[in-house]
């Protein structure tokens, strides 16, 4: 692995070793004029009504799905993945 890839991997590991830094980034949206949070906004603007399978790459702590699980059909299969083990642990 060349030095640039090593630096990127180290940065990713530092930033996403747990969900605290991701949560800090998410909280930035609290200052927006929007009335709902971005997870609700995403589901309001995406049509999952006919979707049976979803693969999310880079799911972070899974908050998008945790906040909207009641909006997903019962037969849906959702697979979340992330490069960071800390994020995978938080999503479970």
Foldseek 3Di string as FASTA:
>chain_A
DDPVVVVVVVVCCVQQLAQPNVVVVQCVQVPDPDPDGVLVVVPVPDDCPPAQEEEAEACFLVVSCVVCVVVHDPNHYYHYYYPHPNSVVNND
